[in-house]
């Protein structure tokens, strides 16, 4: 008995068409950069931003044309969107990397142990020497006091909104938290300044902490609220079914489950207020000498120190401003790394 010959054996078919090799996007990118540099040189364009934009446009157009010829238009559109994502990523990363590189390059000139352990004292802006110890101390005290005020209030407000908030009061609190999230820092400084003028108070560090706490509070509320919403309701219901009061359920079940995210939000909000200059300029006023008492007398801070040094117009002051900027960036970076470490450490363990 004869069998019909297998059609698939003689004419194998494949659902996959022709595809570009894996190195094709890199080759297209390199060619786009080369052509972009050539066009910029021929046109007399000296700005690196101009030739980078030309290279980006050529890369997107070249990707579409080549992919459409070799593959198909659908795959070409997919590759164009991927190219747009990479171009947007580079547009975001390049300025940030340039900023960090410039700060490191200029800040290391005077950044040493002496600079970190001494204050300006009687050193004039035009003279060499001096340091930022008084500014570091002021920043730590002001930010620390702001955290002691804003963190408990923010966490408790978020607990109210998620666990108890119903009706018009909860909606009003949510509305004002949203408004405060976008409030300019100068407005918070002016609010505290008006209170100082009413009570005839002189500039002091704690006034800056109050303004920073106003800026920090809505960030803590929002981040904590989102973390509490991620806690499964089944955990709450299981605890309540055992007869545990609601306040104890929140304390023993809800907060421990979300403590990693809450701590991360608080750390990121600290990093957000650490670089604020306007409230400190209005309320703390700045000082060249060490003042360890935030409740009496003018006090320095790193953002204000940078502003004052750069505004003096002296070459030595510029070096000190860049070194203080590098210190502030390092401080914020350390806070972000600590926040990531805490989030990873306190993340819920998943089993099989």
Protein backbone atom coordinates (compact mmCIF):
# COMPACT_ATOMS: atom_id res chain seq x y z
CA UNK A 1 0.00 0.00 0.00
CA UNK A 2 1.49 3.31 -1.11
CA UNK A 3 1.40 6.35 1.00
CA UNK A 4 1.24 9.92 -0.21
CA UNK A 5 4.54 11.69 0.02
CA UNK A 6 4.83 14.05 2.99
CA UNK A 7 4.43 17.64 1.84
CA UNK A 8 6.10 19.04 4.94
CA UNK A 9 9.14 16.87 4.43
CA UNK A 10 9.69 18.18 0.89
CA UNK A 11 8.72 21.77 1.58
CA UNK A 12 9.57 22.65 5.18
CA UNK A 13 7.92 25.84 6.36
CA UNK A 14 8.81 28.18 9.16
CA UNK A 15 6.76 30.80 10.95
CA UNK A 16 9.85 32.93 11.44
CA UNK A 17 10.96 35.21 8.63
CA UNK A 18 14.27 36.89 8.06
CA UNK A 19 15.63 38.70 11.10
CA UNK A 20 18.42 41.17 11.69
CA UNK A 21 21.48 39.80 13.52
CA UNK A 22 21.89 40.64 17.19
CA UNK A 23 24.72 43.06 16.46
CA UNK A 24 22.63 45.07 13.99
CA UNK A 25 21.29 47.66 16.50
CA UNK A 26 24.84 48.38 17.70
CA UNK A 27 26.08 48.68 14.13
CA UNK A 28 23.21 51.04 13.26
CA UNK A 29 23.94 53.12 16.38
CA UNK A 30 27.66 53.34 15.55
CA UNK A 31 26.91 54.31 11.98
CA UNK A 32 24.39 56.93 13.12
CA UNK A 33 26.96 58.48 15.46
CA UNK A 34 29.59 58.55 12.71
CA UNK A 35 27.22 60.12 10.18
CA UNK A 36 25.92 62.58 12.81
CA UNK A 37 29.44 63.71 13.65
CA UNK A 38 30.21 64.08 9.94
CA UNK A 39 27.08 66.15 9.27
CA UNK A 40 27.79 68.33 12.31
CA UNK A 41 31.39 68.91 11.20
CA UNK A 42 30.31 69.73 7.65
CA UNK A 43 27.61 72.13 8.87
CA UNK A 44 29.95 73.79 11.35
CA UNK A 45 28.01 72.70 14.44
CA UNK A 46 30.27 72.72 17.50
CA UNK A 47 27.76 71.68 20.18
CA UNK A 48 27.83 68.04 21.25
CA UNK A 49 24.11 68.26 21.98
CA UNK A 50 23.40 69.11 18.34
CA UNK A 51 25.35 66.20 16.89
CA UNK A 52 23.85 63.87 19.51
CA UNK A 53 20.32 64.85 18.44
CA UNK A 54 21.24 64.37 14.76
CA UNK A 55 22.70 60.93 15.56
CA UNK A 56 19.54 59.98 17.50
CA UNK A 57 17.27 60.95 14.60
CA UNK A 58 19.47 59.09 12.12
CA UNK A 59 19.48 56.02 14.39
CA UNK A 60 15.67 55.91 14.54
CA UNK A 61 15.26 56.46 10.79
CA UNK A 62 18.00 53.96 9.93
CA UNK A 63 16.51 51.35 12.24
CA UNK A 64 13.10 51.63 10.59
CA UNK A 65 14.40 51.55 7.01
CA UNK A 66 16.75 48.61 7.51
CA UNK A 67 14.28 46.58 9.61
CA UNK A 68 11.49 47.19 7.10
CA UNK A 69 13.67 45.97 4.22
CA UNK A 70 15.06 42.88 5.96
CA UNK A 71 12.15 41.91 8.24
CA UNK A 72 8.77 43.60 7.90
CA UNK A 73 7.05 46.84 8.79
CA UNK A 74 5.54 45.46 11.99
CA UNK A 75 8.94 44.39 13.29
CA UNK A 76 10.39 47.70 12.10
CA UNK A 77 7.84 49.63 14.19
CA UNK A 78 8.74 47.49 17.19
CA UNK A 79 12.43 48.24 16.74
CA UNK A 80 11.70 51.97 16.33
CA UNK A 81 9.81 52.04 19.64
CA UNK A 82 12.71 50.19 21.29
CA UNK A 83 15.11 52.77 19.85
CA UNK A 84 12.94 55.60 21.19
CA UNK A 85 13.07 54.04 24.66
CA UNK A 86 16.87 53.83 24.51
CA UNK A 87 17.15 57.42 23.24
CA UNK A 88 14.91 58.64 26.09
CA UNK A 89 17.00 56.65 28.56
CA UNK A 90 20.22 58.24 27.29
CA UNK A 91 18.66 61.71 27.36
CA UNK A 92 17.90 61.16 31.04
CA UNK A 93 21.18 59.48 32.03
CA UNK A 94 23.71 61.63 30.15
CA UNK A 95 22.90 64.92 31.97
CA UNK A 96 22.87 63.10 35.31
CA UNK A 97 26.20 61.42 34.62
CA UNK A 98 27.65 64.73 33.41
CA UNK A 99 26.48 66.45 36.60
CA UNK A 100 27.98 63.78 38.85
CA UNK A 101 31.24 63.78 36.89
CA UNK A 102 31.58 67.58 37.01
CA UNK A 103 30.86 67.61 40.74
CA UNK A 104 33.39 64.86 41.46
CA UNK A 105 36.03 66.44 39.21
CA UNK A 106 35.75 69.87 40.83
CA UNK A 107 34.86 68.76 44.34
CA UNK A 108 37.88 66.56 45.02
CA UNK A 109 40.23 69.55 44.83
CA UNK A 110 39.71 70.55 48.46
CA UNK A 111 37.74 67.60 49.84
CA UNK A 112 39.81 65.97 52.57
CA UNK A 113 39.67 65.17 56.28
CA UNK A 114 40.59 68.75 57.22
CA UNK A 115 37.77 70.13 55.09
CA UNK A 116 35.26 67.78 56.73
CA UNK A 117 36.43 68.38 60.30
CA UNK A 118 36.83 72.19 60.41
CA UNK A 119 34.48 75.13 60.12
CA UNK A 120 34.95 78.40 58.25
CA UNK A 121 35.51 80.34 61.47
CA UNK A 122 37.40 83.54 60.64
CA UNK A 123 38.44 82.35 57.16
CA UNK A 124 37.36 84.86 54.52
CA UNK A 125 35.73 83.73 51.29
CA UNK A 126 38.78 84.81 49.29
CA UNK A 127 41.20 82.83 51.49
CA UNK A 128 42.12 79.17 51.28
CA UNK A 129 41.30 76.75 54.07
CA UNK A 130 38.14 76.42 56.07
CA UNK A 131 35.71 73.53 56.02
CA UNK A 132 32.13 72.36 56.32
CA UNK A 133 31.98 70.73 59.74
CA UNK A 134 29.59 73.40 61.01
CA UNK A 135 27.38 72.95 57.91
CA UNK A 136 27.32 69.14 58.25
CA UNK A 137 26.39 69.45 61.93
CA UNK A 138 23.62 71.93 61.14
CA UNK A 139 22.20 69.76 58.34
CA UNK A 140 22.18 66.63 60.51
CA UNK A 141 20.44 68.42 63.38
CA UNK A 142 17.87 70.23 61.24
CA UNK A 143 17.03 67.19 59.12
CA UNK A 144 16.98 64.95 62.20
CA UNK A 145 14.53 67.20 64.06
CA UNK A 146 12.36 67.49 60.95
CA UNK A 147 12.28 63.69 60.71
CA UNK A 148 11.29 63.35 64.38
CA UNK A 149 8.35 65.66 63.69
CA UNK A 150 7.24 64.54 60.23
CA UNK A 151 7.74 60.77 60.38
CA UNK A 152 5.34 59.97 63.28
CA UNK A 153 2.73 62.46 62.06
CA UNK A 154 2.97 61.19 58.49
CA UNK A 155 2.76 57.51 59.45
CA UNK A 156 -0.19 58.06 61.81
CA UNK A 157 -2.00 60.12 59.17
CA UNK A 158 -1.53 57.34 56.62
CA UNK A 159 -2.81 54.75 59.12
CA UNK A 160 -5.92 56.87 59.66
CA UNK A 161 -6.56 57.25 55.93
CA UNK A 162 -6.14 53.55 55.16
CA UNK A 163 -7.56 51.86 58.26
CA UNK A 164 -10.12 54.33 59.64
CA UNK A 165 -10.66 57.11 57.11
CA UNK A 166 -14.23 57.38 55.87
CA UNK A 167 -16.39 60.32 54.92
CA UNK A 168 -15.67 64.00 54.38
CA UNK A 169 -12.82 64.28 56.90
CA UNK A 170 -10.76 61.61 55.14
CA UNK A 171 -11.42 63.23 51.76
CA UNK A 172 -10.36 66.62 53.13
CA UNK A 173 -7.13 65.18 54.58
CA UNK A 174 -6.35 63.44 51.28
CA UNK A 175 -6.98 66.67 49.37
CA UNK A 176 -4.68 68.75 51.57
CA UNK A 177 -1.97 66.08 51.47
CA UNK A 178 -2.11 66.23 47.67
CA UNK A 179 -1.86 70.02 47.78
CA UNK A 180 1.05 69.97 50.22
CA UNK A 181 2.94 67.49 48.05
CA UNK A 182 3.43 70.16 45.40
CA UNK A 183 3.93 73.14 47.70
CA UNK A 184 7.08 75.19 46.92
CA UNK A 185 9.70 75.12 49.63
CA UNK A 186 9.76 78.92 49.83
CA UNK A 187 6.08 78.89 50.86
CA UNK A 188 6.83 76.62 53.82
CA UNK A 189 9.69 78.93 54.79
CA UNK A 190 7.49 82.03 54.57
CA UNK A 191 4.85 80.37 56.75
CA UNK A 192 7.32 79.67 59.55
CA UNK A 193 8.90 83.12 59.03
CA UNK A 194 5.51 84.77 59.60
CA UNK A 195 5.19 82.91 62.90
CA UNK A 196 8.70 84.03 63.89
CA UNK A 197 7.82 87.65 63.14
CA UNK A 198 4.61 87.36 65.17
CA UNK A 199 6.52 86.13 68.23
CA UNK A 200 9.60 88.33 67.57
CA UNK A 201 12.03 85.41 67.27
CA UNK A 202 15.56 85.49 65.90
CA UNK A 203 16.77 82.98 63.25
CA UNK A 204 17.57 79.54 64.71
CA UNK A 205 18.00 76.00 63.44
CA UNK A 206 14.74 74.54 64.73
CA UNK A 207 12.77 77.01 62.62
CA UNK A 208 14.34 75.47 59.54
CA UNK A 209 13.41 72.03 60.87
CA UNK A 210 9.76 73.07 61.11
CA UNK A 211 9.73 74.19 57.47
CA UNK A 212 11.49 71.00 56.37
CA UNK A 213 8.96 68.94 58.33
CA UNK A 214 6.13 70.62 56.40
CA UNK A 215 7.80 69.59 53.14
CA UNK A 216 8.55 66.08 54.36
CA UNK A 217 5.16 65.23 55.84
CA UNK A 218 3.11 64.74 52.64
CA UNK A 219 5.83 62.53 51.13
CA UNK A 220 5.76 60.29 54.22
CA UNK A 221 1.95 60.17 54.17
CA UNK A 222 1.78 59.21 50.50
CA UNK A 223 4.51 56.55 50.63
CA UNK A 224 3.18 55.01 53.86
CA UNK A 225 -0.38 55.02 52.54
CA UNK A 226 0.64 53.07 49.44
CA UNK A 227 2.60 50.56 51.53
CA UNK A 228 -0.34 49.96 53.88
CA UNK A 229 -2.64 49.39 50.91
CA UNK A 230 -0.36 46.58 49.73
CA UNK A 231 -0.93 44.57 52.91
CA UNK A 232 -3.44 41.79 52.02
CA UNK A 233 -6.84 42.19 53.66
CA UNK A 234 -6.77 38.49 54.47
CA UNK A 235 -4.13 39.17 57.15
CA UNK A 236 -6.35 41.80 58.77
CA UNK A 237 -9.41 39.57 58.58
CA UNK A 238 -7.58 36.58 60.08
CA UNK A 239 -6.38 38.67 63.01
CA UNK A 240 -9.82 40.20 63.60
CA UNK A 241 -11.44 36.74 63.37
CA UNK A 242 -9.29 35.61 66.30
CA UNK A 243 -10.73 38.44 68.40
CA UNK A 244 -7.69 40.71 68.23
CA UNK A 245 -8.64 44.41 68.51
CA UNK A 246 -8.15 46.54 65.43
CA UNK A 247 -5.47 48.73 66.99
CA UNK A 248 -3.49 45.65 67.95
CA UNK A 249 -3.96 44.19 64.47
CA UNK A 250 -2.48 47.35 62.98
CA UNK A 251 0.40 47.32 65.46
CA UNK A 252 1.25 43.61 65.26
CA UNK A 253 0.21 42.62 61.74
CA UNK A 254 -0.15 45.56 59.34
CA UNK A 255 2.87 47.64 60.37
CA UNK A 256 5.38 44.75 60.59
CA UNK A 257 4.30 43.57 57.14
CA UNK A 258 4.83 46.98 55.56
CA UNK A 259 7.70 48.29 57.71
CA UNK A 260 10.25 47.88 54.92
CA UNK A 261 8.35 50.08 52.49
CA UNK A 262 7.49 52.62 55.19
CA UNK A 263 11.13 52.94 56.21
CA UNK A 264 12.18 53.30 52.58
CA UNK A 265 9.66 56.11 52.07
CA UNK A 266 10.91 57.94 55.16
CA UNK A 267 14.53 57.63 54.04
CA UNK A 268 13.70 58.94 50.56
CA UNK A 269 11.77 61.87 52.06
CA UNK A 270 14.83 62.70 54.18
CA UNK A 271 16.92 62.73 51.00
CA UNK A 272 14.32 65.04 49.43
CA UNK A 273 14.56 67.72 52.15
CA UNK A 274 18.32 67.46 52.74
CA UNK A 275 19.06 69.72 49.76
CA UNK A 276 16.46 72.41 50.39
CA UNK A 277 17.95 75.92 50.46
CA UNK A 278 15.09 78.43 50.50
CA UNK A 279 13.62 77.62 53.96
CA UNK A 280 17.08 77.49 55.53
CA UNK A 281 18.05 80.80 53.94
CA UNK A 282 14.98 82.51 55.40
CA UNK A 283 14.89 80.90 58.83
CA UNK A 284 18.37 79.70 59.83
CA UNK A 285 20.35 82.55 58.28
CA UNK A 286 23.71 80.73 58.26
CA UNK A 287 26.83 81.03 60.39
CA UNK A 288 30.56 80.51 59.85
CA UNK A 289 31.00 79.18 63.37
CA UNK A 290 29.97 75.90 64.98
CA UNK A 291 26.57 76.07 66.65
CA UNK A 292 25.51 72.73 68.10
CA UNK A 293 22.31 74.16 69.63
CA UNK A 294 19.52 74.25 67.02
CA UNK A 295 17.20 76.07 69.41
CA UNK A 296 19.31 79.20 69.78
CA UNK A 297 21.20 81.35 67.29
CA UNK A 298 21.89 81.18 63.59
CA UNK A 299 23.11 77.87 62.24
CA UNK A 300 24.71 76.66 59.02
CA UNK A 301 23.63 73.88 56.65
CA UNK A 302 25.16 72.30 53.58
CA UNK A 303 22.72 73.73 50.98
CA UNK A 304 23.04 77.22 52.48
CA UNK A 305 26.83 76.89 52.66
CA UNK A 306 26.95 75.99 48.96
CA UNK A 307 24.72 78.94 48.07
CA UNK A 308 26.75 81.43 50.08
CA UNK A 309 30.14 80.18 48.89
CA UNK A 310 29.17 80.15 45.23
CA UNK A 311 27.57 83.58 45.55
CA UNK A 312 30.76 85.15 46.88
CA UNK A 313 32.40 85.01 43.44
CA UNK A 314 35.85 83.96 44.69
CA UNK A 315 37.82 81.11 43.11
CA UNK A 316 38.61 79.49 46.48
CA UNK A 317 34.96 79.76 47.48
CA UNK A 318 33.97 78.01 44.24
CA UNK A 319 36.20 75.07 45.17
CA UNK A 320 34.63 74.86 48.62
CA UNK A 321 31.13 75.03 47.10
CA UNK A 322 31.88 72.14 44.73
CA UNK A 323 33.37 70.07 47.57
CA UNK A 324 30.30 70.72 49.73
CA UNK A 325 28.07 69.76 46.77
CA UNK A 326 29.94 66.48 46.44
CA UNK A 327 29.47 65.85 50.16
CA UNK A 328 25.73 66.54 49.88
CA UNK A 329 25.40 64.20 46.88
CA UNK A 330 27.26 61.50 48.80
CA UNK A 331 24.91 62.01 51.77
CA UNK A 332 21.81 61.64 49.58
CA UNK A 333 23.31 58.64 47.80
CA UNK A 334 24.05 56.91 51.11
CA UNK A 335 20.45 57.50 52.23
CA UNK A 336 19.15 55.95 49.01
CA UNK A 337 21.42 52.93 49.39
CA UNK A 338 20.33 52.49 53.01
CA UNK A 339 16.69 52.71 51.92
CA UNK A 340 17.23 50.03 49.28
CA UNK A 341 19.03 47.83 51.80
CA UNK A 342 16.23 48.15 54.33
CA UNK A 343 13.60 47.43 51.68
CA UNK A 344 15.46 44.29 50.61
CA UNK A 345 16.05 43.20 54.22
CA UNK A 346 12.45 43.70 55.31
CA UNK A 347 10.84 42.43 52.12
CA UNK A 348 8.32 39.62 52.75
CA UNK A 349 9.88 36.22 52.34
CA UNK A 350 8.21 34.19 49.60
CA UNK A 351 8.05 30.44 49.89
CA UNK A 352 7.56 27.79 47.27
